[in-house]
C-alpha atoms as a PDB file:
ATOM      1  CA  MET A   1    -262.228 -22.970 -52.867  1.00  0.00           C
ATOM      2  CA  LEU A   2    -262.865 -24.389 -56.272  1.00  0.00           C
ATOM      3  CA  ALA A   3    -259.176 -24.247 -57.030  1.00  0.00           C
ATOM      4  CA  ALA A   4    -258.399 -26.222 -53.909  1.00  0.00           C
ATOM      5  CA  LEU A   5    -260.995 -28.808 -54.835  1.00  0.00           C
ATOM      6  CA  ASP A   6    -259.541 -29.174 -58.331  1.00  0.00           C
ATOM      7  CA  ALA A   7    -256.058 -29.602 -56.958  1.00  0.00           C
ATOM      8  CA  HIS A   8    -257.270 -32.304 -54.568  1.00  0.00           C
ATOM      9  CA  SER A   9    -259.075 -34.104 -57.324  1.00  0.00           C
ATOM     10  CA  VAL A  10    -255.890 -34.154 -59.494  1.00  0.00           C
ATOM     11  CA  ALA A  11    -253.570 -35.282 -56.637  1.00  0.00           C
ATOM     12  CA  THR A  12    -255.638 -38.376 -55.804  1.00  0.00           C
ATOM     13  CA  PRO A  13    -255.089 -40.340 -59.088  1.00  0.00           C
ATOM     14  CA  MET A  14    -251.368 -39.441 -59.094  1.00  0.00           C
ATOM     15  CA  THR A  15    -250.979 -40.984 -55.633  1.00  0.00           C
ATOM     16  CA  SER A  16    -252.761 -44.163 -56.775  1.00  0.00           C
ATOM     17  CA  LEU A  17    -250.424 -44.472 -59.745  1.00  0.00           C
ATOM     18  CA  ARG A  18    -247.380 -44.178 -57.496  1.00  0.00           C
ATOM     19  CA  ARG A  19    -248.753 -46.856 -55.204  1.00  0.00           C
ATOM     20  CA  THR A  20    -249.429 -49.157 -58.144  1.00  0.00           C
ATOM     21  CA  ARG A  21    -245.874 -48.697 -59.422  1.00  0.00           C
ATOM     22  CA  LEU A  22    -244.468 -49.354 -55.946  1.00  0.00           C
ATOM     23  CA  THR A  23    -246.516 -52.547 -55.616  1.00  0.00           C
ATOM     24  CA  LEU A  24    -245.319 -53.825 -59.016  1.00  0.00           C
ATOM     25  CA  SER A  25    -241.702 -53.048 -58.106  1.00  0.00           C
ATOM     26  CA  VAL A  26    -241.969 -54.993 -54.851  1.00  0.00           C
ATOM     27  CA  ALA A  27    -243.535 -57.949 -56.644  1.00  0.00           C
ATOM     28  CA  LEU A  28    -240.842 -57.892 -59.294  1.00  0.00           C
ATOM     29  CA  LEU A  29    -238.141 -57.800 -56.635  1.00  0.00           C
ATOM     30  CA  GLY A  30    -239.782 -60.762 -54.945  1.00  0.00           C
ATOM     31  CA  LEU A  31    -239.718 -62.742 -58.160  1.00  0.00           C
ATOM     32  CA  LEU A  32    -236.106 -61.817 -58.760  1.00  0.00           C
ATOM     33  CA  ALA A  33    -235.266 -62.799 -55.216  1.00  0.00           C
ATOM     34  CA  GLY A  34    -236.934 -66.150 -55.791  1.00  0.00           C
ATOM     35  CA  CYS A  35    -234.873 -66.742 -58.890  1.00  0.00           C
ATOM     36  CA  GLY A  36    -231.682 -65.436 -57.398  1.00  0.00           C
ATOM     37  CA  GLY A  37    -232.056 -67.647 -54.338  1.00  0.00           C
ATOM     38  CA  ASP A  38    -231.669 -70.759 -56.514  1.00  0.00           C
ATOM     39  CA  PRO A  39    -228.361 -70.105 -58.290  1.00  0.00           C
ATOM     40  CA  VAL A  40    -227.426 -71.928 -61.466  1.00  0.00           C
ATOM     41  CA  ARG A  41    -224.359 -74.014 -60.737  1.00  0.00           C
ATOM     42  CA  PRO A  42    -221.992 -75.068 -63.529  1.00  0.00           C
ATOM     43  CA  THR A  43    -221.979 -78.818 -64.157  1.00  0.00           C
ATOM     44  CA  PRO A  44    -218.617 -80.190 -63.003  1.00  0.00           C
ATOM     45  CA  PRO A  45    -216.713 -82.321 -65.519  1.00  0.00           C
ATOM     46  CA  PRO A  46    -217.144 -86.077 -64.977  1.00  0.00           C
ATOM     47  CA  ALA A  47    -214.520 -87.539 -62.710  1.00  0.00           C
ATOM     48  CA  ALA A  48    -212.042 -89.793 -64.444  1.00  0.00           C
ATOM     49  CA  ILE A  49    -212.663 -93.391 -63.372  1.00  0.00           C
ATOM     50  CA  PRO A  50    -209.569 -95.607 -63.601  1.00  0.00           C
ATOM     51  CA  VAL A  51    -210.316 -98.583 -65.840  1.00  0.00           C
ATOM     52  CA  THR A  52    -208.698-101.853 -64.828  1.00  0.00           C
ATOM     53  CA  PRO A  53    -208.003-103.923 -67.939  1.00  0.00           C
ATOM     54  CA  ALA A  54    -209.471-107.417 -67.922  1.00  0.00           C
ATOM     55  CA  LYS A  55    -206.973-110.230 -67.482  1.00  0.00           C
ATOM     56  CA  PRO A  56    -206.128-112.050 -70.725  1.00  0.00           C
ATOM     57  CA  VAL A  57    -207.743-115.448 -71.083  1.00  0.00           C
ATOM     58  CA  LYS A  58    -205.240-118.213 -70.371  1.00  0.00           C
ATOM     59  CA  ILE A  59    -205.788-121.133 -72.724  1.00  0.00           C
ATOM     60  CA  GLY A  60    -204.481-124.521 -71.678  1.00  0.00           C
ATOM     61  CA  ILE A  61    -204.200-127.606 -73.835  1.00  0.00           C
ATOM     62  CA  ALA A  62    -204.462-131.159 -72.523  1.00  0.00           C
ATOM     63  CA  LEU A  63    -202.881-133.673 -74.906  1.00  0.00           C
ATOM     64  CA  GLY A  64    -204.043-137.262 -74.545  1.00  0.00           C
ATOM     65  CA  GLY A  65    -202.189-140.521 -75.095  1.00  0.00           C
ATOM     66  CA  GLY A  66    -202.389-142.681 -78.190  1.00  0.00           C
ATOM     67  CA  ALA A  67    -198.897-143.701 -79.333  1.00  0.00           C
ATOM     68  CA  ALA A  68    -198.374-142.865 -83.039  1.00  0.00           C
ATOM     69  CA  LYS A  69    -201.760-141.122 -83.113  1.00  0.00           C
ATOM     70  CA  GLY A  70    -200.071-138.416 -81.048  1.00  0.00           C
ATOM     71  CA  PHE A  71    -198.774-136.702 -84.187  1.00  0.00           C
ATOM     72  CA  ALA A  72    -202.325-135.311 -84.494  1.00  0.00           C
ATOM     73  CA  HIS A  73    -201.559-133.008 -81.557  1.00  0.00           C
ATOM     74  CA  ILE A  74    -199.155-131.067 -83.769  1.00  0.00           C
ATOM     75  CA  GLY A  75    -201.924-130.333 -86.279  1.00  0.00           C
ATOM     76  CA  VAL A  76    -204.263-129.152 -83.516  1.00  0.00           C
ATOM     77  CA  ILE A  77    -201.653-126.781 -82.083  1.00  0.00           C
ATOM     78  CA  LYS A  78    -200.851-125.466 -85.554  1.00  0.00           C
ATOM     79  CA  MET A  79    -204.470-124.382 -86.135  1.00  0.00           C
ATOM     80  CA  LEU A  80    -204.836-122.904 -82.656  1.00  0.00           C
ATOM     81  CA  GLU A  81    -201.780-120.723 -83.228  1.00  0.00           C
ATOM     82  CA  ALA A  82    -202.951-119.732 -86.715  1.00  0.00           C
ATOM     83  CA  ASN A  83    -206.281-118.525 -85.314  1.00  0.00           C
ATOM     84  CA  GLY A  84    -204.864-116.552 -82.393  1.00  0.00           C
ATOM     85  CA  PHE A  85    -205.601-119.079 -79.631  1.00  0.00           C
ATOM     86  CA  GLU A  86    -202.083-120.055 -78.615  1.00  0.00           C
ATOM     87  CA  PRO A  87    -202.082-122.236 -75.498  1.00  0.00           C
ATOM     88  CA  VAL A  88    -200.022-120.803 -72.663  1.00  0.00           C
ATOM     89  CA  VAL A  89    -200.025-123.911 -70.438  1.00  0.00           C
ATOM     90  CA  VAL A  90    -199.547-127.512 -71.579  1.00  0.00           C
ATOM     91  CA  SER A  91    -200.276-130.889 -70.025  1.00  0.00           C
ATOM     92  CA  GLY A  92    -199.721-134.275 -71.611  1.00  0.00           C
ATOM     93  CA  THR A  93    -200.194-137.971 -71.048  1.00  0.00           C
ATOM     94  CA  SER A  94    -198.041-140.600 -72.801  1.00  0.00           C
ATOM     95  CA  ALA A  95    -197.632-139.525 -76.465  1.00  0.00           C
ATOM     96  CA  GLY A  96    -199.241-136.236 -75.494  1.00  0.00           C
ATOM     97  CA  SER A  97    -196.466-135.598 -72.999  1.00  0.00           C
ATOM     98  CA  VAL A  98    -193.851-135.981 -75.760  1.00  0.00           C
ATOM     99  CA  VAL A  99    -195.510-133.366 -77.983  1.00  0.00           C
ATOM    100  CA  GLY A 100    -196.340-131.243 -74.939  1.00  0.00           C
ATOM    101  CA  ALA A 101    -192.737-131.127 -73.747  1.00  0.00           C
ATOM    102  CA  LEU A 102    -191.489-130.000 -77.144  1.00  0.00           C
ATOM    103  CA  TYR A 103    -194.190-127.356 -77.371  1.00  0.00           C
ATOM    104  CA  ALA A 104    -193.578-126.082 -73.832  1.00  0.00           C
ATOM    105  CA  SER A 105    -189.864-125.791 -74.649  1.00  0.00           C
ATOM    106  CA  GLY A 106    -190.660-122.909 -77.012  1.00  0.00           C
ATOM    107  CA  MET A 107    -191.084-124.667 -80.371  1.00  0.00           C
ATOM    108  CA  ASP A 108    -194.010-123.631 -82.536  1.00  0.00           C
ATOM    109  CA  ALA A 109    -196.159-126.110 -84.464  1.00  0.00           C
ATOM    110  CA  PHE A 110    -194.128-125.831 -87.669  1.00  0.00           C
ATOM    111  CA  GLN A 111    -190.896-126.582 -85.843  1.00  0.00           C
ATOM    112  CA  MET A 112    -192.513-129.596 -84.208  1.00  0.00           C
ATOM    113  CA  GLN A 113    -193.789-130.794 -87.570  1.00  0.00           C
ATOM    114  CA  SER A 114    -190.256-130.623 -88.973  1.00  0.00           C
ATOM    115  CA  LYS A 115    -189.026-132.669 -85.999  1.00  0.00           C
ATOM    116  CA  ALA A 116    -191.825-135.191 -86.527  1.00  0.00           C
ATOM    117  CA  VAL A 117    -191.041-135.650 -90.201  1.00  0.00           C
ATOM    118  CA  ALA A 118    -187.337-136.144 -89.454  1.00  0.00           C
ATOM    119  CA  LEU A 119    -187.925-138.466 -86.490  1.00  0.00           C
ATOM    120  CA  ASP A 120    -186.302-141.864 -86.802  1.00  0.00           C
ATOM    121  CA  GLU A 121    -188.270-144.397 -84.785  1.00  0.00           C
ATOM    122  CA  ALA A 122    -185.035-146.144 -83.832  1.00  0.00           C
ATOM    123  CA  SER A 123    -183.854-142.979 -82.083  1.00  0.00           C
ATOM    124  CA  ILE A 124    -186.525-143.353 -79.377  1.00  0.00           C
ATOM    125  CA  ARG A 125    -186.799-147.128 -79.084  1.00  0.00           C
ATOM    126  CA  ASP A 126    -184.255-149.212 -77.164  1.00  0.00           C
ATOM    127  CA  VAL A 127    -185.318-152.842 -76.978  1.00  0.00           C
ATOM    128  CA  ARG A 128    -184.084-154.815 -73.991  1.00  0.00           C
ATOM    129  CA  LEU A 129    -185.286-158.386 -73.453  1.00  0.00           C
ATOM    130  CA  PHE A 130    -185.931-160.150 -70.159  1.00  0.00           C
ATOM    131  CA  SER A 131    -186.774-157.013 -68.193  1.00  0.00           C
ATOM    132  CA  GLY A 132    -189.962-155.319 -67.039  1.00  0.00           C
ATOM    133  CA  GLY A 133    -190.774-154.404 -70.644  1.00  0.00           C
ATOM    134  CA  LEU A 134    -189.535-154.735 -74.190  1.00  0.00           C
ATOM    135  CA  VAL A 135    -188.446-151.086 -74.392  1.00  0.00           C
ATOM    136  CA  GLN A 136    -186.207-149.552 -71.771  1.00  0.00           C
ATOM    137  CA  GLY A 137    -187.195-145.956 -72.524  1.00  0.00           C
ATOM    138  CA  GLN A 138    -183.787-144.379 -71.944  1.00  0.00           C
ATOM    139  CA  LYS A 139    -183.546-143.346 -75.615  1.00  0.00           C
ATOM    140  CA  LEU A 140    -186.894-141.572 -75.400  1.00  0.00           C
ATOM    141  CA  GLN A 141    -185.742-139.768 -72.265  1.00  0.00           C
ATOM    142  CA  ASP A 142    -182.488-138.675 -73.911  1.00  0.00           C
ATOM    143  CA  TYR A 143    -184.283-137.573 -77.099  1.00  0.00           C
ATOM    144  CA  VAL A 144    -186.735-135.353 -75.200  1.00  0.00           C
ATOM    145  CA  ASN A 145    -184.013-133.823 -73.030  1.00  0.00           C
ATOM    146  CA  ALA A 146    -181.963-133.006 -76.125  1.00  0.00           C
ATOM    147  CA  GLN A 147    -184.966-131.263 -77.728  1.00  0.00           C
ATOM    148  CA  VAL A 148    -185.606-129.099 -74.656  1.00  0.00           C
ATOM    149  CA  ASP A 149    -181.906-128.250 -74.257  1.00  0.00           C
ATOM    150  CA  ASN A 150    -181.707-130.271 -71.035  1.00  0.00           C
ATOM    151  CA  ARG A 151    -183.764-127.699 -69.157  1.00  0.00           C
ATOM    152  CA  PRO A 152    -185.828-128.809 -66.164  1.00  0.00           C
ATOM    153  CA  ALA A 153    -189.596-128.508 -66.425  1.00  0.00           C
ATOM    154  CA  GLU A 154    -189.738-125.324 -64.362  1.00  0.00           C
ATOM    155  CA  LYS A 155    -187.361-123.600 -66.813  1.00  0.00           C
ATOM    156  CA  LEU A 156    -189.378-124.282 -69.980  1.00  0.00           C
ATOM    157  CA  SER A 157    -191.009-121.452 -71.915  1.00  0.00           C
ATOM    158  CA  LYS A 158    -194.521-122.527 -70.914  1.00  0.00           C
ATOM    159  CA  PRO A 159    -195.796-124.244 -67.754  1.00  0.00           C
ATOM    160  CA  PHE A 160    -195.765-127.973 -68.465  1.00  0.00           C
ATOM    161  CA  ALA A 161    -197.107-131.068 -66.712  1.00  0.00           C
ATOM    162  CA  ALA A 162    -196.570-134.737 -67.573  1.00  0.00           C
ATOM    163  CA  VAL A 163    -199.008-137.191 -65.996  1.00  0.00           C
ATOM    164  CA  ALA A 164    -197.972-140.720 -64.966  1.00  0.00           C
ATOM    165  CA  THR A 165    -199.371-143.506 -62.785  1.00  0.00           C
ATOM    166  CA  GLN A 166    -197.621-144.562 -59.600  1.00  0.00           C
ATOM    167  CA  LEU A 167    -197.306-148.339 -59.884  1.00  0.00           C
ATOM    168  CA  GLU A 168    -197.306-149.073 -56.154  1.00  0.00           C
ATOM    169  CA  THR A 169    -200.529-147.177 -55.360  1.00  0.00           C
ATOM    170  CA  GLY A 170    -202.242-146.601 -58.698  1.00  0.00           C
ATOM    171  CA  GLU A 171    -202.363-142.884 -57.920  1.00  0.00           C
ATOM    172  CA  ARG A 172    -202.102-140.153 -60.549  1.00  0.00           C
ATOM    173  CA  THR A 173    -198.809-138.270 -60.384  1.00  0.00           C
ATOM    174  CA  VAL A 174    -198.287-134.904 -62.068  1.00  0.00           C
ATOM    175  CA  PHE A 175    -194.670-133.945 -62.825  1.00  0.00           C
ATOM    176  CA  VAL A 176    -194.154-130.181 -63.104  1.00  0.00           C
ATOM    177  CA  ARG A 177    -190.525-129.895 -61.973  1.00  0.00           C
ATOM    178  CA  GLY A 178    -187.237-131.623 -62.627  1.00  0.00           C
ATOM    179  CA  ASN A 179    -186.019-133.838 -65.464  1.00  0.00           C
ATOM    180  CA  VAL A 180    -188.402-133.362 -68.415  1.00  0.00           C
ATOM    181  CA  GLY A 181    -187.203-136.409 -70.345  1.00  0.00           C
ATOM    182  CA  GLN A 182    -187.594-138.644 -67.316  1.00  0.00           C
ATOM    183  CA  ALA A 183    -191.117-137.334 -66.644  1.00  0.00           C
ATOM    184  CA  VAL A 184    -192.111-137.957 -70.281  1.00  0.00           C
ATOM    185  CA  ARG A 185    -190.585-141.424 -70.145  1.00  0.00           C
ATOM    186  CA  ALA A 186    -192.611-142.239 -67.029  1.00  0.00           C
ATOM    187  CA  SER A 187    -195.788-140.871 -68.599  1.00  0.00           C
ATOM    188  CA  SER A 188    -195.194-142.970 -71.736  1.00  0.00           C
ATOM    189  CA  SER A 189    -194.216-146.270 -70.116  1.00  0.00           C
ATOM    190  CA  ILE A 190    -196.962-148.510 -71.491  1.00  0.00           C
ATOM    191  CA  PRO A 191    -197.169-151.584 -69.217  1.00  0.00           C
ATOM    192  CA  GLY A 192    -195.754-154.672 -70.887  1.00  0.00           C
ATOM    193  CA  VAL A 193    -194.090-152.586 -73.607  1.00  0.00           C
ATOM    194  CA  PHE A 194    -191.897-150.150 -71.644  1.00  0.00           C
ATOM    195  CA  GLU A 195    -190.097-150.846 -68.415  1.00  0.00           C
ATOM    196  CA  PRO A 196    -191.532-149.015 -65.410  1.00  0.00           C
ATOM    197  CA  VAL A 197    -189.525-145.902 -64.562  1.00  0.00           C
ATOM    198  CA  LYS A 198    -188.106-145.589 -61.079  1.00  0.00           C
ATOM    199  CA  ILE A 199    -188.099-142.016 -59.754  1.00  0.00           C
ATOM    200  CA  GLY A 200    -187.129-141.654 -56.131  1.00  0.00           C
ATOM    201  CA  LYS A 201    -188.560-144.625 -54.239  1.00  0.00           C
ATOM    202  CA  TYR A 202    -191.521-145.229 -56.566  1.00  0.00           C
ATOM    203  CA  ASN A 203    -192.051-146.812 -59.977  1.00  0.00           C
ATOM    204  CA  TYR A 204    -194.183-145.162 -62.652  1.00  0.00           C
ATOM    205  CA  ILE A 205    -196.106-146.355 -65.707  1.00  0.00           C
ATOM    206  CA  ASP A 206    -198.207-144.801 -68.459  1.00  0.00           C
ATOM    207  CA  GLY A 207    -200.450-141.959 -67.291  1.00  0.00           C
ATOM    208  CA  GLY A 208    -203.254-143.180 -69.550  1.00  0.00           C
ATOM    209  CA  VAL A 209    -204.236-145.705 -66.864  1.00  0.00           C
ATOM    210  CA  VAL A 210    -205.574-142.930 -64.613  1.00  0.00           C
ATOM    211  CA  SER A 211    -205.732-139.793 -66.784  1.00  0.00           C
ATOM    212  CA  PRO A 212    -206.011-140.494 -70.536  1.00  0.00           C
ATOM    213  CA  VAL A 213    -206.485-136.778 -71.314  1.00  0.00           C
ATOM    214  CA  PRO A 214    -205.016-134.640 -68.494  1.00  0.00           C
ATOM    215  CA  VAL A 215    -207.648-131.898 -68.255  1.00  0.00           C
ATOM    216  CA  ASP A 216    -207.267-131.449 -64.504  1.00  0.00           C
ATOM    217  CA  ALA A 217    -203.492-131.027 -64.782  1.00  0.00           C
ATOM    218  CA  ALA A 218    -203.945-128.186 -67.299  1.00  0.00           C
ATOM    219  CA  ARG A 219    -206.437-126.529 -64.965  1.00  0.00           C
ATOM    220  CA  GLN A 220    -204.003-126.865 -62.061  1.00  0.00           C
ATOM    221  CA  LEU A 221    -201.387-125.049 -64.136  1.00  0.00           C
ATOM    222  CA  GLY A 222    -203.704-122.026 -64.230  1.00  0.00           C
ATOM    223  CA  ALA A 223    -205.671-122.437 -67.462  1.00  0.00           C
ATOM    224  CA  ASP A 224    -208.953-120.498 -67.656  1.00  0.00           C
ATOM    225  CA  ILE A 225    -210.112-122.488 -70.676  1.00  0.00           C
ATOM    226  CA  VAL A 226    -208.933-126.058 -71.242  1.00  0.00           C
ATOM    227  CA  ILE A 227    -208.934-127.534 -74.729  1.00  0.00           C
ATOM    228  CA  ALA A 228    -208.718-131.325 -74.519  1.00  0.00           C
ATOM    229  CA  VAL A 229    -207.390-133.375 -77.429  1.00  0.00           C
ATOM    230  CA  ASP A 230    -208.634-136.955 -77.270  1.00  0.00           C
ATOM    231  CA  ILE A 231    -206.895-139.455 -79.571  1.00  0.00           C
ATOM    232  CA  SER A 232    -207.490-142.544 -77.453  1.00  0.00           C
ATOM    233  CA  SER A 233    -208.591-145.837 -78.987  1.00  0.00           C
ATOM    234  CA  LYS A 234    -212.221-146.779 -78.503  1.00  0.00           C
ATOM    235  CA  ALA A 235    -213.620-150.291 -78.373  1.00  0.00           C
ATOM    236  CA  SER A 236    -215.057-150.576 -81.886  1.00  0.00           C
ATOM    237  CA  GLY A 237    -215.932-154.253 -81.970  1.00  0.00           C
ATOM    238  CA  LYS A 238    -212.721-155.073 -83.815  1.00  0.00           C
ATOM    239  CA  ALA A 239    -209.636-156.609 -82.254  1.00  0.00           C
ATOM    240  CA  PRO A 240    -206.550-154.389 -82.590  1.00  0.00           C
ATOM    241  CA  THR A 241    -203.544-155.807 -84.408  1.00  0.00           C
ATOM    242  CA  GLY A 242    -200.093-156.149 -82.880  1.00  0.00           C
ATOM    243  CA  MET A 243    -199.066-156.294 -79.260  1.00  0.00           C
ATOM    244  CA  LEU A 244    -198.715-152.527 -78.910  1.00  0.00           C
ATOM    245  CA  GLY A 245    -202.202-152.037 -80.329  1.00  0.00           C
ATOM    246  CA  ILE A 246    -203.674-154.602 -77.932  1.00  0.00           C
ATOM    247  CA  VAL A 247    -201.963-153.079 -74.907  1.00  0.00           C
ATOM    248  CA  ASN A 248    -202.851-149.550 -75.979  1.00  0.00           C
ATOM    249  CA  GLN A 249    -206.537-150.390 -76.337  1.00  0.00           C
ATOM    250  CA  SER A 250    -206.496-152.290 -73.040  1.00  0.00           C
ATOM    251  CA  ILE A 251    -205.189-149.175 -71.281  1.00  0.00           C
ATOM    252  CA  SER A 252    -207.868-147.081 -72.983  1.00  0.00           C
ATOM    253  CA  ILE A 253    -210.594-149.435 -71.769  1.00  0.00           C
ATOM    254  CA  MET A 254    -209.207-149.404 -68.221  1.00  0.00           C
ATOM    255  CA  GLY A 255    -209.090-145.618 -68.087  1.00  0.00           C
ATOM    256  CA  GLN A 256    -212.283-145.036 -70.051  1.00  0.00           C
ATOM    257  CA  ARG A 257    -214.592-144.267 -67.126  1.00  0.00           C
ATOM    258  CA  LEU A 258    -212.076-142.012 -65.393  1.00  0.00           C
ATOM    259  CA  GLY A 259    -211.261-140.416 -68.729  1.00  0.00           C
ATOM    260  CA  GLU A 260    -214.902-139.605 -69.463  1.00  0.00           C
ATOM    261  CA  GLN A 261    -215.307-137.902 -66.089  1.00  0.00           C
ATOM    262  CA  GLU A 262    -212.181-135.818 -66.605  1.00  0.00           C
ATOM    263  CA  LEU A 263    -213.046-134.951 -70.200  1.00  0.00           C
ATOM    264  CA  ALA A 264    -216.387-133.597 -68.990  1.00  0.00           C
ATOM    265  CA  ARG A 265    -214.425-130.934 -67.088  1.00  0.00           C
ATOM    266  CA  ALA A 266    -212.843-129.605 -70.304  1.00  0.00           C
ATOM    267  CA  ASP A 267    -214.269-126.506 -71.985  1.00  0.00           C
ATOM    268  CA  VAL A 268    -213.708-127.808 -75.518  1.00  0.00           C
ATOM    269  CA  ILE A 269    -212.965-131.364 -76.678  1.00  0.00           C
ATOM    270  CA  ILE A 270    -211.225-132.023 -80.000  1.00  0.00           C
ATOM    271  CA  ARG A 271    -211.278-135.555 -81.383  1.00  0.00           C
ATOM    272  CA  PRO A 272    -209.128-136.007 -84.512  1.00  0.00           C
ATOM    273  CA  LYS A 273    -210.226-138.918 -86.711  1.00  0.00           C
ATOM    274  CA  VAL A 274    -207.171-141.102 -86.123  1.00  0.00           C
ATOM    275  CA  LEU A 275    -208.772-144.296 -84.859  1.00  0.00           C
ATOM    276  CA  ASP A 276    -207.689-146.120 -88.027  1.00  0.00           C
ATOM    277  CA  ILE A 277    -204.034-145.260 -87.421  1.00  0.00           C
ATOM    278  CA  GLY A 278    -202.184-148.058 -85.631  1.00  0.00           C
ATOM    279  CA  ALA A 279    -200.445-147.420 -82.337  1.00  0.00           C
ATOM    280  CA  ALA A 280    -197.057-148.181 -83.915  1.00  0.00           C
ATOM    281  CA  ASP A 281    -197.786-146.809 -87.403  1.00  0.00           C
ATOM    282  CA  PHE A 282    -195.245-143.980 -87.550  1.00  0.00           C
ATOM    283  CA  GLY A 283    -195.613-143.943 -91.336  1.00  0.00           C
ATOM    284  CA  GLN A 284    -199.002-142.268 -90.900  1.00  0.00           C
ATOM    285  CA  ARG A 285    -197.561-139.234 -89.095  1.00  0.00           C
ATOM    286  CA  ASN A 286    -198.434-136.761 -91.865  1.00  0.00           C
ATOM    287  CA  ASN A 287    -201.975-138.055 -92.087  1.00  0.00           C
ATOM    288  CA  ALA A 288    -202.330-137.771 -88.304  1.00  0.00           C
ATOM    289  CA  ILE A 289    -201.134-134.140 -88.392  1.00  0.00           C
ATOM    290  CA  LEU A 290    -203.656-133.358 -91.143  1.00  0.00           C
ATOM    291  CA  GLU A 291    -206.509-134.923 -89.161  1.00  0.00           C
ATOM    292  CA  GLY A 292    -205.491-132.830 -86.171  1.00  0.00           C
ATOM    293  CA  GLU A 293    -205.724-129.687 -88.296  1.00  0.00           C
ATOM    294  CA  LYS A 294    -209.195-130.618 -89.578  1.00  0.00           C
ATOM    295  CA  ALA A 295    -210.554-131.405 -86.132  1.00  0.00           C
ATOM    296  CA  ALA A 296    -209.170-128.162 -84.673  1.00  0.00           C
ATOM    297  CA  MET A 297    -210.730-126.060 -87.431  1.00  0.00           C
ATOM    298  CA  ALA A 298    -214.091-127.741 -86.859  1.00  0.00           C
ATOM    299  CA  ALA A 299    -213.895-126.784 -83.172  1.00  0.00           C
ATOM    300  CA  MET A 300    -212.822-123.178 -83.807  1.00  0.00           C
ATOM    301  CA  PRO A 301    -216.330-121.600 -83.512  1.00  0.00           C
ATOM    302  CA  GLN A 302    -216.798-123.269 -80.127  1.00  0.00           C
ATOM    303  CA  ILE A 303    -213.374-122.123 -78.925  1.00  0.00           C
ATOM    304  CA  ARG A 304    -214.048-118.561 -80.083  1.00  0.00           C
ATOM    305  CA  ALA A 305    -217.440-118.503 -78.335  1.00  0.00           C
ATOM    306  CA  LYS A 306    -215.937-119.785 -75.060  1.00  0.00           C
ATOM    307  CA  VAL A 307    -213.196-117.154 -75.090  1.00  0.00           C
ATOM    308  CA  GLN A 308    -215.633-114.312 -75.913  1.00  0.00           C
ATOM    309  CA  GLN A 309    -218.021-115.471 -73.197  1.00  0.00           C
ATOM    310  CA  LEU A 310    -215.283-115.354 -70.570  1.00  0.00           C
ATOM    311  CA  GLN A 311    -214.018-111.978 -71.828  1.00  0.00           C
ATOM    312  CA  LYS A 312    -217.529-110.458 -71.574  1.00  0.00           C
ATOM    313  CA  ALA A 313    -218.009-111.832 -68.063  1.00  0.00           C
ATOM    314  CA  ARG A 314    -214.704-110.330 -66.932  1.00  0.00           C
ATOM    315  CA  ALA A 315    -215.460-106.962 -68.554  1.00  0.00           C
ATOM    316  CA  ALA A 316    -218.862-106.847 -66.832  1.00  0.00           C
ATOM    317  CA  ALA A 317    -217.274-107.628 -63.470  1.00  0.00           C
ATOM    318  CA  LEU A 318    -214.807-104.742 -63.908  1.00  0.00           C
ATOM    319  CA  ALA A 319    -217.401-102.185 -65.147  1.00  0.00           C
ATOM    320  CA  PRO A 320    -217.813 -99.228 -62.711  1.00  0.00           C
ATOM    321  CA  PRO A 321    -221.158 -98.940 -60.868  1.00  0.00           C
ATOM    322  CA  PRO A 322    -223.713 -96.393 -62.188  1.00  0.00           C
ATOM    323  CA  PRO A 323    -223.079 -92.844 -60.856  1.00  0.00           C
ATOM    324  CA  THR A 324    -225.079 -91.652 -57.830  1.00  0.00           C
ATOM    325  CA  PRO A 325    -227.518 -88.837 -58.820  1.00  0.00           C
ATOM    326  CA  LYS A 326    -226.397 -85.360 -57.646  1.00  0.00           C
ATOM    327  CA  CYS A 327    -229.229 -83.233 -56.237  1.00  0.00           C
ATOM    328  CA  ASP A 328    -229.307 -79.464 -55.598  1.00  0.00           C
ATOM    329  CA  GLU A 329    -231.581 -78.378 -52.757  1.00  0.00           C
ATOM    330  CA  PRO A 330    -233.709 -75.280 -53.574  1.00  0.00           C
ATOM    331  CA  SER A 331    -233.307 -72.088 -51.553  1.00  0.00           C
ATOM    332  CA  ARG A 332    -235.760 -71.012 -48.873  1.00  0.00           C
ATOM    333  CA  VAL A 333    -237.568 -68.724 -51.283  1.00  0.00           C
ATOM    334  CA  GLY A 334    -237.593 -71.555 -53.821  1.00  0.00           C
ATOM    335  CA  LYS A 335    -239.161 -73.874 -51.247  1.00  0.00           C
ATOM    336  CA  LEU A 336    -241.829 -71.253 -50.492  1.00  0.00           C
ATOM    337  CA  MET A 337    -242.570 -71.120 -54.202  1.00  0.00           C
ATOM    338  CA  GLY A 338    -242.907 -74.915 -54.309  1.00  0.00           C
ATOM    339  CA  ARG A 339    -239.641 -75.731 -56.044  1.00  0.00           C
ATOM    340  CA  LYS A 340    -238.213 -79.277 -55.743  1.00  0.00           C
ATOM    341  CA  GLU A 341    -234.723 -80.759 -55.780  1.00  0.00           C
ATOM    342  CA  LYS A 342    -232.924 -80.825 -59.114  1.00  0.00           C
ATOM    343  CA  CYS A 343    -231.095 -84.114 -59.722  1.00  0.00           C
ATOM    344  CA  GLU A 344    -228.577 -84.956 -62.425  1.00  0.00           C
ATOM    345  CA  GLY A 345    -227.248 -88.348 -63.410  1.00  0.00           C
END
């Protein structure tokens, strides 16, 4: 009897120990089930996002009229090329159309400077009395066509526009196709000095009457940034000398208001200090080129800032949107244990 009681007393704690172990095992399995129900997923590699390169900034140059002052345009172009801001579209009025045509033909600034130094004034001036002007302009037309290898405007190396004024209506006309020399001649036909140029059924005179610096024409050619070069005479309180000087300043005064409005639409304006150079003073060509170089260098920080600003805006527009966060939903056991979604990104 005692033996039976002893055996019973020993068996009772052993049973409790087994139950305790069983309870711990079940709890441990529950924890493991909770962990196993929320599997760790490997992070997938980021998807390759195609990057569209930003379009290059197209710089256009608008070359204004100013007779012999126009040699300054060569100096401006020289400095733009030297600093990596080569214009890809060109527009010109009057003297600016002459330089613009040569530049659009594929010449660089140094080649144009060599042409300018070697230029004989007699080779572009053909005086004819008792007509609509003192100068016929045929020699200028032939000279320009020879320099561009007789190519039409649409076949030049760069898009080119010459701006003239239609005599019958006073409207601005932009020549972008056809005979380059004839378009330049029309753009340069200073009233009272050159004969009007008849093209088709209309007559044309100097473009400076309606567009002294052809900013809008450069924009129409596709320029993103337009650099305007203004060499026009300003009323300084002094009377100009010589008939060409008087006529040139008269045209500048007539087109001043229109010119100011159009200049305001340029991104950068360069004004070489050539006001002291006479309209017919071809002997000052080297000085005019030098002043163009100085003025362009002074404007270089502004040009650089404009280009960088446009580049940043284009890069921001092409940047991909931020990735959408990826969330993993917890398992049922995880939800019972209070687990929340895991989000990445």
